[in-house]
Amino acid sequence: MKTLKNEKDPEKKEQLQYLINRMNQQEAASRQKQVRKEKDKEVMKKEFEVVKEGKKPFFLKKADKKKIELAEKYKELKESGKVEKYLSKRRKKNASKDRKRLPSRHIKGQAS
């Protein structure tokens, strides 16, 4: 099988690059999922220990879990110095979503 660098056909080269990117994204997603599962197991283990002591169980809601994960993500980004880049991408993404949601303006008598 030819490697990406040796490929001459631009369509095949683009397809190979797409597949490589897709595999990398899937790998990253599975790592994130694994980390999330480990954290959930750890929290559940602590809760069961508290229940064994006779106290009432307290489980976080999904919204609270998301807030905690988001706080951790910002903390990691801050440590690596990539907060501004991340926020600018988020702003750009949200701006494009807002533009899509706005109705296009059609005025009678004018052709656009």
PDB file of N, CA and C in Angstrom:
ATOM      1  N   MET A   1       0.841  -1.182   0.000  1.00  0.00           N
ATOM      2  CA  MET A   1       0.000   0.000   0.000  1.00  0.00           C
ATOM      3  C   MET A   1       0.880   1.236   0.000  1.00  0.00           C
ATOM      4  N   LYS A   2       0.528   2.179  -0.819  1.00  0.00           N
ATOM      5  CA  LYS A   2       1.312   3.397  -0.922  1.00  0.00           C
ATOM      6  C   LYS A   2       1.079   4.288   0.297  1.00  0.00           C
ATOM      7  N   THR A   3       2.085   5.033   0.630  1.00  0.00           N
ATOM      8  CA  THR A   3       1.932   5.974   1.737  1.00  0.00           C
ATOM      9  C   THR A   3       1.382   7.288   1.210  1.00  0.00           C
ATOM     10  N   LEU A   4       1.012   8.147   2.110  1.00  0.00           N
ATOM     11  CA  LEU A   4       0.421   9.434   1.750  1.00  0.00           C
ATOM     12  C   LEU A   4       1.401  10.289   0.963  1.00  0.00           C
ATOM     13  N   LYS A   5       2.649  10.272   1.345  1.00  0.00           N
ATOM     14  CA  LYS A   5       3.659  11.103   0.678  1.00  0.00           C
ATOM     15  C   LYS A   5       3.952  10.625  -0.737  1.00  0.00           C
ATOM     16  N   ASN A   6       3.889   9.328  -0.965  1.00  0.00           N
ATOM     17  CA  ASN A   6       4.214   8.768  -2.281  1.00  0.00           C
ATOM     18  C   ASN A   6       3.047   8.785  -3.253  1.00  0.00           C
ATOM     19  N   GLU A   7       1.851   9.090  -2.743  1.00  0.00           N
ATOM     20  CA  GLU A   7       0.656   9.075  -3.592  1.00  0.00           C
ATOM     21  C   GLU A   7       0.685  10.240  -4.579  1.00  0.00           C
ATOM     22  N   LYS A   8       0.444   9.945  -5.841  1.00  0.00           N
ATOM     23  CA  LYS A   8       0.477  10.966  -6.898  1.00  0.00           C
ATOM     24  C   LYS A   8      -0.924  11.522  -7.186  1.00  0.00           C
ATOM     25  N   ASP A   9      -1.930  10.663  -7.145  1.00  0.00           N
ATOM     26  CA  ASP A   9      -3.293  11.075  -7.464  1.00  0.00           C
ATOM     27  C   ASP A   9      -3.842  11.977  -6.353  1.00  0.00           C
ATOM     28  N   PRO A  10      -4.220  13.221  -6.664  1.00  0.00           N
ATOM     29  CA  PRO A  10      -4.681  14.141  -5.615  1.00  0.00           C
ATOM     30  C   PRO A  10      -5.969  13.686  -4.927  1.00  0.00           C
ATOM     31  N   GLU A  11      -6.845  13.007  -5.664  1.00  0.00           N
ATOM     32  CA  GLU A  11      -8.080  12.528  -5.048  1.00  0.00           C
ATOM     33  C   GLU A  11      -7.800  11.442  -4.017  1.00  0.00           C
ATOM     34  N   LYS A  12      -6.936  10.505  -4.385  1.00  0.00           N
ATOM     35  CA  LYS A  12      -6.586   9.431  -3.448  1.00  0.00           C
ATOM     36  C   LYS A  12      -5.824   9.991  -2.248  1.00  0.00           C
ATOM     37  N   LYS A  13      -4.977  10.977  -2.514  1.00  0.00           N
ATOM     38  CA  LYS A  13      -4.202  11.596  -1.443  1.00  0.00           C
ATOM     39  C   LYS A  13      -5.136  12.291  -0.454  1.00  0.00           C
ATOM     40  N   GLU A  14      -6.131  12.972  -0.994  1.00  0.00           N
ATOM     41  CA  GLU A  14      -7.113  13.644  -0.148  1.00  0.00           C
ATOM     42  C   GLU A  14      -7.914  12.633   0.659  1.00  0.00           C
ATOM     43  N   GLN A  15      -8.274  11.525   0.017  1.00  0.00           N
ATOM     44  CA  GLN A  15      -9.034  10.482   0.694  1.00  0.00           C
ATOM     45  C   GLN A  15      -8.206   9.848   1.820  1.00  0.00           C
ATOM     46  N   LEU A  16      -6.925   9.590   1.549  1.00  0.00           N
ATOM     47  CA  LEU A  16      -6.049   9.029   2.588  1.00  0.00           C
ATOM     48  C   LEU A  16      -5.917   9.995   3.768  1.00  0.00           C
ATOM     49  N   GLN A  17      -5.773  11.284   3.461  1.00  0.00           N
ATOM     50  CA  GLN A  17      -5.652  12.289   4.527  1.00  0.00           C
ATOM     51  C   GLN A  17      -6.930  12.327   5.354  1.00  0.00           C
ATOM     52  N   TYR A  18      -8.076  12.231   4.684  1.00  0.00           N
ATOM     53  CA  TYR A  18      -9.356  12.210   5.372  1.00  0.00           C
ATOM     54  C   TYR A  18      -9.449  11.010   6.308  1.00  0.00           C
ATOM     55  N   LEU A  19      -9.041   9.850   5.823  1.00  0.00           N
ATOM     56  CA  LEU A  19      -9.094   8.636   6.643  1.00  0.00           C
ATOM     57  C   LEU A  19      -8.165   8.724   7.842  1.00  0.00           C
ATOM     58  N   ILE A  20      -6.979   9.288   7.641  1.00  0.00           N
ATOM     59  CA  ILE A  20      -6.028   9.456   8.749  1.00  0.00           C
ATOM     60  C   ILE A  20      -6.608  10.379   9.808  1.00  0.00           C
ATOM     61  N   ASN A  21      -7.173  11.496   9.358  1.00  0.00           N
ATOM     62  CA  ASN A  21      -7.779  12.439  10.307  1.00  0.00           C
ATOM     63  C   ASN A  21      -8.936  11.799  11.058  1.00  0.00           C
ATOM     64  N   ARG A  22      -9.740  11.026  10.343  1.00  0.00           N
ATOM     65  CA  ARG A  22     -10.886  10.360  10.956  1.00  0.00           C
ATOM     66  C   ARG A  22     -10.437   9.371  12.029  1.00  0.00           C
ATOM     67  N   MET A  23      -9.399   8.602  11.719  1.00  0.00           N
ATOM     68  CA  MET A  23      -8.884   7.635  12.688  1.00  0.00           C
ATOM     69  C   MET A  23      -8.341   8.343  13.927  1.00  0.00           C
ATOM     70  N   ASN A  24      -7.629   9.457  13.716  1.00  0.00           N
ATOM     71  CA  ASN A  24      -7.096  10.207  14.843  1.00  0.00           C
ATOM     72  C   ASN A  24      -8.220  10.763  15.719  1.00  0.00           C
ATOM     73  N   GLN A  25      -9.281  11.259  15.086  1.00  0.00           N
ATOM     74  CA  GLN A  25     -10.412  11.789  15.843  1.00  0.00           C
ATOM     75  C   GLN A  25     -11.124  10.686  16.627  1.00  0.00           C
ATOM     76  N   GLN A  26     -11.270   9.527  16.013  1.00  0.00           N
ATOM     77  CA  GLN A  26     -11.912   8.407  16.704  1.00  0.00           C
ATOM     78  C   GLN A  26     -11.088   7.966  17.904  1.00  0.00           C
ATOM     79  N   GLU A  27      -9.780   7.947  17.728  1.00  0.00           N
ATOM     80  CA  GLU A  27      -8.895   7.561  18.824  1.00  0.00           C
ATOM     81  C   GLU A  27      -8.997   8.558  19.977  1.00  0.00           C
ATOM     82  N   ALA A  28      -9.006   9.848  19.647  1.00  0.00           N
ATOM     83  CA  ALA A  28      -9.114  10.876  20.676  1.00  0.00           C
ATOM     84  C   ALA A  28     -10.455  10.775  21.393  1.00  0.00           C
ATOM     85  N   ALA A  29     -11.524  10.523  20.652  1.00  0.00           N
ATOM     86  CA  ALA A  29     -12.852  10.395  21.249  1.00  0.00           C
ATOM     87  C   ALA A  29     -12.909   9.198  22.185  1.00  0.00           C
ATOM     88  N   SER A  30     -12.292   8.098  21.780  1.00  0.00           N
ATOM     89  CA  SER A  30     -12.319   6.908  22.644  1.00  0.00           C
ATOM     90  C   SER A  30     -11.506   7.143  23.918  1.00  0.00           C
ATOM     91  N   ARG A  31     -10.394   7.876  23.804  1.00  0.00           N
ATOM     92  CA  ARG A  31      -9.620   8.206  25.008  1.00  0.00           C
ATOM     93  C   ARG A  31     -10.435   9.069  25.954  1.00  0.00           C
ATOM     94  N   GLN A  32     -11.140  10.067  25.410  1.00  0.00           N
ATOM     95  CA  GLN A  32     -11.972  10.934  26.248  1.00  0.00           C
ATOM     96  C   GLN A  32     -13.071  10.129  26.933  1.00  0.00           C
ATOM     97  N   LYS A  33     -13.667   9.224  26.183  1.00  0.00           N
ATOM     98  CA  LYS A  33     -14.731   8.391  26.733  1.00  0.00           C
ATOM     99  C   LYS A  33     -14.187   7.518  27.864  1.00  0.00           C
ATOM    100  N   GLN A  34     -13.000   6.975  27.656  1.00  0.00           N
ATOM    101  CA  GLN A  34     -12.373   6.126  28.675  1.00  0.00           C
ATOM    102  C   GLN A  34     -12.090   6.921  29.946  1.00  0.00           C
ATOM    103  N   VAL A  35     -11.563   8.124  29.787  1.00  0.00           N
ATOM    104  CA  VAL A  35     -11.262   8.976  30.943  1.00  0.00           C
ATOM    105  C   VAL A  35     -12.551   9.306  31.691  1.00  0.00           C
ATOM    106  N   ARG A  36     -13.605   9.627  30.936  1.00  0.00           N
ATOM    107  CA  ARG A  36     -14.891   9.958  31.554  1.00  0.00           C
ATOM    108  C   ARG A  36     -15.437   8.766  32.328  1.00  0.00           C
ATOM    109  N   LYS A  37     -15.319   7.558  31.755  1.00  0.00           N
ATOM    110  CA  LYS A  37     -15.793   6.351  32.437  1.00  0.00           C
ATOM    111  C   LYS A  37     -15.021   6.106  33.726  1.00  0.00           C
ATOM    112  N   GLU A  38     -13.701   6.304  33.670  1.00  0.00           N
ATOM    113  CA  GLU A  38     -12.880   6.092  34.862  1.00  0.00           C
ATOM    114  C   GLU A  38     -13.267   7.063  35.970  1.00  0.00           C
ATOM    115  N   LYS A  39     -13.518   8.314  35.600  1.00  0.00           N
ATOM    116  CA  LYS A  39     -13.924   9.307  36.599  1.00  0.00           C
ATOM    117  C   LYS A  39     -15.276   8.949  37.194  1.00  0.00           C
ATOM    118  N   ASP A  40     -16.210   8.493  36.337  1.00  0.00           N
ATOM    119  CA  ASP A  40     -17.524   8.092  36.832  1.00  0.00           C
ATOM    120  C   ASP A  40     -17.414   6.909  37.790  1.00  0.00           C
ATOM    121  N   LYS A  41     -16.567   5.932  37.449  1.00  0.00           N
ATOM    122  CA  LYS A  41     -16.366   4.776  38.332  1.00  0.00           C
ATOM    123  C   LYS A  41     -15.812   5.218  39.681  1.00  0.00           C
ATOM    124  N   GLU A  42     -14.862   6.149  39.637  1.00  0.00           N
ATOM    125  CA  GLU A  42     -14.249   6.640  40.865  1.00  0.00           C
ATOM    126  C   GLU A  42     -15.285   7.327  41.753  1.00  0.00           C
ATOM    127  N   VAL A  43     -16.141   8.150  41.145  1.00  0.00           N
ATOM    128  CA  VAL A  43     -17.178   8.849  41.901  1.00  0.00           C
ATOM    129  C   VAL A  43     -18.167   7.848  42.490  1.00  0.00           C
ATOM    130  N   MET A  44     -18.562   6.861  41.682  1.00  0.00           N
ATOM    131  CA  MET A  44     -19.506   5.849  42.167  1.00  0.00           C
ATOM    132  C   MET A  44     -18.914   5.054  43.327  1.00  0.00           C
ATOM    133  N   LYS A  45     -17.631   4.748  43.233  1.00  0.00           N
ATOM    134  CA  LYS A  45     -16.966   4.002  44.295  1.00  0.00           C
ATOM    135  C   LYS A  45     -16.992   4.794  45.603  1.00  0.00           C
ATOM    136  N   LYS A  46     -16.716   6.091  45.497  1.00  0.00           N
ATOM    137  CA  LYS A  46     -16.758   6.951  46.693  1.00  0.00           C
ATOM    138  C   LYS A  46     -18.166   7.007  47.272  1.00  0.00           C
ATOM    139  N   GLU A  47     -19.157   7.096  46.399  1.00  0.00           N
ATOM    140  CA  GLU A  47     -20.537   7.168  46.861  1.00  0.00           C
ATOM    141  C   GLU A  47     -20.953   5.882  47.576  1.00  0.00           C
ATOM    142  N   PHE A  48     -20.543   4.737  47.047  1.00  0.00           N
ATOM    143  CA  PHE A  48     -20.885   3.475  47.698  1.00  0.00           C
ATOM    144  C   PHE A  48     -20.210   3.365  49.061  1.00  0.00           C
ATOM    145  N   GLU A  49     -19.010   3.897  49.185  1.00  0.00           N
ATOM    146  CA  GLU A  49     -18.336   3.894  50.486  1.00  0.00           C
ATOM    147  C   GLU A  49     -19.096   4.758  51.482  1.00  0.00           C
ATOM    148  N   VAL A  50     -19.594   5.903  51.012  1.00  0.00           N
ATOM    149  CA  VAL A  50     -20.376   6.798  51.871  1.00  0.00           C
ATOM    150  C   VAL A  50     -21.679   6.121  52.291  1.00  0.00           C
ATOM    151  N   VAL A  51     -22.297   5.391  51.365  1.00  0.00           N
ATOM    152  CA  VAL A  51     -23.541   4.682  51.672  1.00  0.00           C
ATOM    153  C   VAL A  51     -23.282   3.590  52.705  1.00  0.00           C
ATOM    154  N   LYS A  52     -22.146   2.922  52.595  1.00  0.00           N
ATOM    155  CA  LYS A  52     -21.812   1.868  53.558  1.00  0.00           C
ATOM    156  C   LYS A  52     -21.676   2.433  54.959  1.00  0.00           C
ATOM    157  N   GLU A  53     -21.241   3.702  55.040  1.00  0.00           N
ATOM    158  CA  GLU A  53     -21.106   4.353  56.347  1.00  0.00           C
ATOM    159  C   GLU A  53     -22.458   4.767  56.910  1.00  0.00           C
ATOM    160  N   GLY A  54     -23.507   4.665  56.110  1.00  0.00           N
ATOM    161  CA  GLY A  54     -24.846   4.955  56.602  1.00  0.00           C
ATOM    162  C   GLY A  54     -25.395   6.299  56.149  1.00  0.00           C
ATOM    163  N   LYS A  55     -24.680   7.008  55.314  1.00  0.00           N
ATOM    164  CA  LYS A  55     -25.165   8.310  54.847  1.00  0.00           C
ATOM    165  C   LYS A  55     -25.970   8.135  53.564  1.00  0.00           C
ATOM    166  N   LYS A  56     -26.733   9.178  53.224  1.00  0.00           N
ATOM    167  CA  LYS A  56     -27.545   9.115  52.018  1.00  0.00           C
ATOM    168  C   LYS A  56     -26.666   9.321  50.787  1.00  0.00           C
ATOM    169  N   PRO A  57     -26.984   8.605  49.715  1.00  0.00           N
ATOM    170  CA  PRO A  57     -26.194   8.782  48.487  1.00  0.00           C
ATOM    171  C   PRO A  57     -26.533  10.101  47.793  1.00  0.00           C
ATOM    172  N   PHE A  58     -25.530  10.690  47.149  1.00  0.00           N
ATOM    173  CA  PHE A  58     -25.705  11.917  46.386  1.00  0.00           C
ATOM    174  C   PHE A  58     -25.008  11.741  45.051  1.00  0.00           C
ATOM    175  N   PHE A  59     -25.795  11.756  43.992  1.00  0.00           N
ATOM    176  CA  PHE A  59     -25.236  11.592  42.655  1.00  0.00           C
ATOM    177  C   PHE A  59     -25.410  12.883  41.870  1.00  0.00           C
ATOM    178  N   LEU A  60     -24.364  13.249  41.150  1.00  0.00           N
ATOM    179  CA  LEU A  60     -24.405  14.471  40.356  1.00  0.00           C
ATOM    180  C   LEU A  60     -25.333  14.310  39.164  1.00  0.00           C
ATOM    181  N   LYS A  61     -25.976  15.421  38.811  1.00  0.00           N
ATOM    182  CA  LYS A  61     -26.812  15.432  37.616  1.00  0.00           C
ATOM    183  C   LYS A  61     -25.908  15.581  36.402  1.00  0.00           C
ATOM    184  N   LYS A  62     -26.467  15.282  35.224  1.00  0.00           N
ATOM    185  CA  LYS A  62     -25.682  15.384  33.992  1.00  0.00           C
ATOM    186  C   LYS A  62     -25.180  16.797  33.780  1.00  0.00           C
ATOM    187  N   ALA A  63     -26.021  17.784  34.060  1.00  0.00           N
ATOM    188  CA  ALA A  63     -25.630  19.184  33.856  1.00  0.00           C
ATOM    189  C   ALA A  63     -24.449  19.545  34.760  1.00  0.00           C
ATOM    190  N   ASP A  64     -24.485  19.075  35.999  1.00  0.00           N
ATOM    191  CA  ASP A  64     -23.385  19.355  36.928  1.00  0.00           C
ATOM    192  C   ASP A  64     -22.098  18.664  36.482  1.00  0.00           C
ATOM    193  N   LYS A  65     -22.238  17.437  35.975  1.00  0.00           N
ATOM    194  CA  LYS A  65     -21.064  16.722  35.458  1.00  0.00           C
ATOM    195  C   LYS A  65     -20.439  17.485  34.304  1.00  0.00           C
ATOM    196  N   LYS A  66     -21.291  18.000  33.398  1.00  0.00           N
ATOM    197  CA  LYS A  66     -20.801  18.754  32.251  1.00  0.00           C
ATOM    198  C   LYS A  66     -20.069  20.014  32.694  1.00  0.00           C
ATOM    199  N   LYS A  67     -20.614  20.682  33.712  1.00  0.00           N
ATOM    200  CA  LYS A  67     -19.963  21.896  34.218  1.00  0.00           C
ATOM    201  C   LYS A  67     -18.584  21.571  34.781  1.00  0.00           C
ATOM    202  N   ILE A  68     -18.487  20.492  35.509  1.00  0.00           N
ATOM    203  CA  ILE A  68     -17.206  20.090  36.092  1.00  0.00           C
ATOM    204  C   ILE A  68     -16.210  19.732  34.981  1.00  0.00           C
ATOM    205  N   GLU A  69     -16.676  18.980  33.969  1.00  0.00           N
ATOM    206  CA  GLU A  69     -15.807  18.613  32.848  1.00  0.00           C
ATOM    207  C   GLU A  69     -15.325  19.852  32.096  1.00  0.00           C
ATOM    208  N   LEU A  70     -16.227  20.825  31.927  1.00  0.00           N
ATOM    209  CA  LEU A  70     -15.870  22.058  31.232  1.00  0.00           C
ATOM    210  C   LEU A  70     -14.823  22.836  32.032  1.00  0.00           C
ATOM    211  N   ALA A  71     -14.998  22.873  33.362  1.00  0.00           N
ATOM    212  CA  ALA A  71     -14.032  23.557  34.215  1.00  0.00           C
ATOM    213  C   ALA A  71     -12.661  22.884  34.116  1.00  0.00           C
ATOM    214  N   GLU A  72     -12.642  21.558  34.094  1.00  0.00           N
ATOM    215  CA  GLU A  72     -11.380  20.826  33.957  1.00  0.00           C
ATOM    216  C   GLU A  72     -10.732  21.097  32.607  1.00  0.00           C
ATOM    217  N   LYS A  73     -11.575  21.166  31.563  1.00  0.00           N
ATOM    218  CA  LYS A  73     -11.057  21.430  30.224  1.00  0.00           C
ATOM    219  C   LYS A  73     -10.394  22.800  30.167  1.00  0.00           C
ATOM    220  N   TYR A  74     -11.045  23.818  30.730  1.00  0.00           N
ATOM    221  CA  TYR A  74     -10.458  25.157  30.755  1.00  0.00           C
ATOM    222  C   TYR A  74      -9.170  25.191  31.572  1.00  0.00           C
ATOM    223  N   LYS A  75      -9.152  24.414  32.635  1.00  0.00           N
ATOM    224  CA  LYS A  75      -7.950  24.345  33.466  1.00  0.00           C
ATOM    225  C   LYS A  75      -6.778  23.770  32.672  1.00  0.00           C
ATOM    226  N   GLU A  76      -7.049  22.686  31.928  1.00  0.00           N
ATOM    227  CA  GLU A  76      -6.008  22.075  31.086  1.00  0.00           C
ATOM    228  C   GLU A  76      -5.550  23.032  29.994  1.00  0.00           C
ATOM    229  N   LEU A  77      -6.518  23.730  29.370  1.00  0.00           N
ATOM    230  CA  LEU A  77      -6.172  24.685  28.317  1.00  0.00           C
ATOM    231  C   LEU A  77      -5.342  25.830  28.874  1.00  0.00           C
ATOM    232  N   LYS A  78      -5.670  26.253  30.081  1.00  0.00           N
ATOM    233  CA  LYS A  78      -4.927  27.351  30.695  1.00  0.00           C
ATOM    234  C   LYS A  78      -3.486  26.929  30.984  1.00  0.00           C
ATOM    235  N   GLU A  79      -3.325  25.697  31.440  1.00  0.00           N
ATOM    236  CA  GLU A  79      -1.981  25.188  31.731  1.00  0.00           C
ATOM    237  C   GLU A  79      -1.143  25.088  30.457  1.00  0.00           C
ATOM    238  N   SER A  80      -1.788  24.708  29.353  1.00  0.00           N
ATOM    239  CA  SER A  80      -1.048  24.567  28.103  1.00  0.00           C
ATOM    240  C   SER A  80      -0.986  25.881  27.321  1.00  0.00           C
ATOM    241  N   GLY A  81      -1.707  26.903  27.773  1.00  0.00           N
ATOM    242  CA  GLY A  81      -1.664  28.206  27.127  1.00  0.00           C
ATOM    243  C   GLY A  81      -2.462  28.288  25.841  1.00  0.00           C
ATOM    244  N   LYS A  82      -3.511  27.486  25.724  1.00  0.00           N
ATOM    245  CA  LYS A  82      -4.294  27.457  24.491  1.00  0.00           C
ATOM    246  C   LYS A  82      -5.721  27.970  24.686  1.00  0.00           C
ATOM    247  N   VAL A  83      -5.955  28.710  25.776  1.00  0.00           N
ATOM    248  CA  VAL A  83      -7.303  29.179  26.069  1.00  0.00           C
ATOM    249  C   VAL A  83      -7.791  30.144  24.998  1.00  0.00           C
ATOM    250  N   GLU A  84      -6.965  31.114  24.630  1.00  0.00           N
ATOM    251  CA  GLU A  84      -7.378  32.124  23.652  1.00  0.00           C
ATOM    252  C   GLU A  84      -7.712  31.502  22.301  1.00  0.00           C
ATOM    253  N   LYS A  85      -6.903  30.564  21.869  1.00  0.00           N
ATOM    254  CA  LYS A  85      -7.153  29.896  20.590  1.00  0.00           C
ATOM    255  C   LYS A  85      -8.484  29.151  20.642  1.00  0.00           C
ATOM    256  N   TYR A  86      -8.730  28.437  21.730  1.00  0.00           N
ATOM    257  CA  TYR A  86      -9.967  27.689  21.890  1.00  0.00           C
ATOM    258  C   TYR A  86     -11.165  28.631  21.892  1.00  0.00           C
ATOM    259  N   LEU A  87     -11.060  29.722  22.657  1.00  0.00           N
ATOM    260  CA  LEU A  87     -12.179  30.653  22.748  1.00  0.00           C
ATOM    261  C   LEU A  87     -12.459  31.341  21.413  1.00  0.00           C
ATOM    262  N   SER A  88     -11.414  31.667  20.669  1.00  0.00           N
ATOM    263  CA  SER A  88     -11.636  32.309  19.373  1.00  0.00           C
ATOM    264  C   SER A  88     -12.336  31.342  18.410  1.00  0.00           C
ATOM    265  N   LYS A  89     -11.955  30.069  18.460  1.00  0.00           N
ATOM    266  CA  LYS A  89     -12.626  29.079  17.625  1.00  0.00           C
ATOM    267  C   LYS A  89     -14.094  28.940  18.020  1.00  0.00           C
ATOM    268  N   ARG A  90     -14.370  28.933  19.322  1.00  0.00           N
ATOM    269  CA  ARG A  90     -15.752  28.834  19.802  1.00  0.00           C
ATOM    270  C   ARG A  90     -16.573  30.033  19.341  1.00  0.00           C
ATOM    271  N   ARG A  91     -15.972  31.242  19.435  1.00  0.00           N
ATOM    272  CA  ARG A  91     -16.675  32.450  19.006  1.00  0.00           C
ATOM    273  C   ARG A  91     -17.003  32.374  17.517  1.00  0.00           C
ATOM    274  N   LYS A  92     -16.030  31.933  16.735  1.00  0.00           N
ATOM    275  CA  LYS A  92     -16.213  31.813  15.293  1.00  0.00           C
ATOM    276  C   LYS A  92     -17.331  30.814  14.986  1.00  0.00           C
ATOM    277  N   LYS A  93     -17.319  29.676  15.667  1.00  0.00           N
ATOM    278  CA  LYS A  93     -18.317  28.635  15.458  1.00  0.00           C
ATOM    279  C   LYS A  93     -19.714  29.147  15.824  1.00  0.00           C
ATOM    280  N   ASN A  94     -19.820  29.812  16.962  1.00  0.00           N
ATOM    281  CA  ASN A  94     -21.115  30.327  17.395  1.00  0.00           C
ATOM    282  C   ASN A  94     -21.615  31.427  16.474  1.00  0.00           C
ATOM    283  N   ALA A  95     -20.708  32.265  15.974  1.00  0.00           N
ATOM    284  CA  ALA A  95     -21.104  33.328  15.056  1.00  0.00           C
ATOM    285  C   ALA A  95     -21.665  32.738  13.765  1.00  0.00           C
ATOM    286  N   SER A  96     -21.029  31.676  13.255  1.00  0.00           N
ATOM    287  CA  SER A  96     -21.533  31.057  12.025  1.00  0.00           C
ATOM    288  C   SER A  96     -22.891  30.400  12.278  1.00  0.00           C
ATOM    289  N   LYS A  97     -23.089  29.817  13.452  1.00  0.00           N
ATOM    290  CA  LYS A  97     -24.383  29.226  13.793  1.00  0.00           C
ATOM    291  C   LYS A  97     -25.458  30.312  13.851  1.00  0.00           C
ATOM    292  N   ASP A  98     -25.112  31.459  14.452  1.00  0.00           N
ATOM    293  CA  ASP A  98     -26.070  32.556  14.548  1.00  0.00           C
ATOM    294  C   ASP A  98     -26.451  33.072  13.166  1.00  0.00           C
ATOM    295  N   ARG A  99     -25.481  33.171  12.289  1.00  0.00           N
ATOM    296  CA  ARG A  99     -25.767  33.638  10.929  1.00  0.00           C
ATOM    297  C   ARG A  99     -26.692  32.663  10.205  1.00  0.00           C
ATOM    298  N   LYS A 100     -26.509  31.377  10.444  1.00  0.00           N
ATOM    299  CA  LYS A 100     -27.368  30.383   9.797  1.00  0.00           C
ATOM    300  C   LYS A 100     -28.792  30.466  10.321  1.00  0.00           C
ATOM    301  N   ARG A 101     -28.936  30.757  11.597  1.00  0.00           N
ATOM    302  CA  ARG A 101     -30.266  30.799  12.209  1.00  0.00           C
ATOM    303  C   ARG A 101     -31.062  32.032  11.802  1.00  0.00           C
ATOM    304  N   LEU A 102     -30.384  33.134  11.486  1.00  0.00           N
ATOM    305  CA  LEU A 102     -31.084  34.343  11.103  1.00  0.00           C
ATOM    306  C   LEU A 102     -31.798  34.137   9.775  1.00  0.00           C
ATOM    307  N   PRO A 103     -33.022  34.631   9.694  1.00  0.00           N
ATOM    308  CA  PRO A 103     -33.723  34.485   8.412  1.00  0.00           C
ATOM    309  C   PRO A 103     -33.102  35.422   7.382  1.00  0.00           C
ATOM    310  N   SER A 104     -33.034  34.941   6.156  1.00  0.00           N
ATOM    311  CA  SER A 104     -32.474  35.791   5.110  1.00  0.00           C
ATOM    312  C   SER A 104     -33.498  36.876   4.809  1.00  0.00           C
ATOM    313  N   ARG A 105     -33.007  38.034   4.487  1.00  0.00           N
ATOM    314  CA  ARG A 105     -33.877  39.196   4.316  1.00  0.00           C
ATOM    315  C   ARG A 105     -34.249  39.361   2.848  1.00  0.00           C
ATOM    316  N   HIS A 106     -35.525  39.245   2.547  1.00  0.00           N
ATOM    317  CA  HIS A 106     -36.020  39.417   1.191  1.00  0.00           C
ATOM    318  C   HIS A 106     -36.963  40.602   1.182  1.00  0.00           C
ATOM    319  N   ILE A 107     -36.663  41.579   0.357  1.00  0.00           N
ATOM    320  CA  ILE A 107     -37.514  42.754   0.243  1.00  0.00           C
ATOM    321  C   ILE A 107     -38.210  42.701  -1.116  1.00  0.00           C
ATOM    322  N   LYS A 108     -39.526  42.911  -1.101  1.00  0.00           N
ATOM    323  CA  LYS A 108     -40.286  42.847  -2.353  1.00  0.00           C
ATOM    324  C   LYS A 108     -39.834  43.960  -3.287  1.00  0.00           C
ATOM    325  N   GLY A 109     -39.724  43.647  -4.530  1.00  0.00           N
ATOM    326  CA  GLY A 109     -39.370  44.630  -5.534  1.00  0.00           C
ATOM    327  C   GLY A 109     -37.874  44.722  -5.783  1.00  0.00           C
ATOM    328  N   GLN A 110     -37.071  44.087  -4.956  1.00  0.00           N
ATOM    329  CA  GLN A 110     -35.621  44.093  -5.159  1.00  0.00           C
ATOM    330  C   GLN A 110     -35.152  42.674  -5.416  1.00  0.00           C
ATOM    331  N   ALA A 111     -34.349  42.547  -6.439  1.00  0.00           N
ATOM    332  CA  ALA A 111     -33.786  41.229  -6.726  1.00  0.00           C
ATOM    333  C   ALA A 111     -32.389  41.160  -6.128  1.00  0.00           C
ATOM    334  N   SER A 112     -32.137  40.135  -5.359  1.00  0.00           N
ATOM    335  CA  SER A 112     -30.818  40.017  -4.727  1.00  0.00           C
ATOM    336  C   SER A 112     -30.017  38.951  -5.391  1.00  0.00           C
TER     337      SER A 112
END
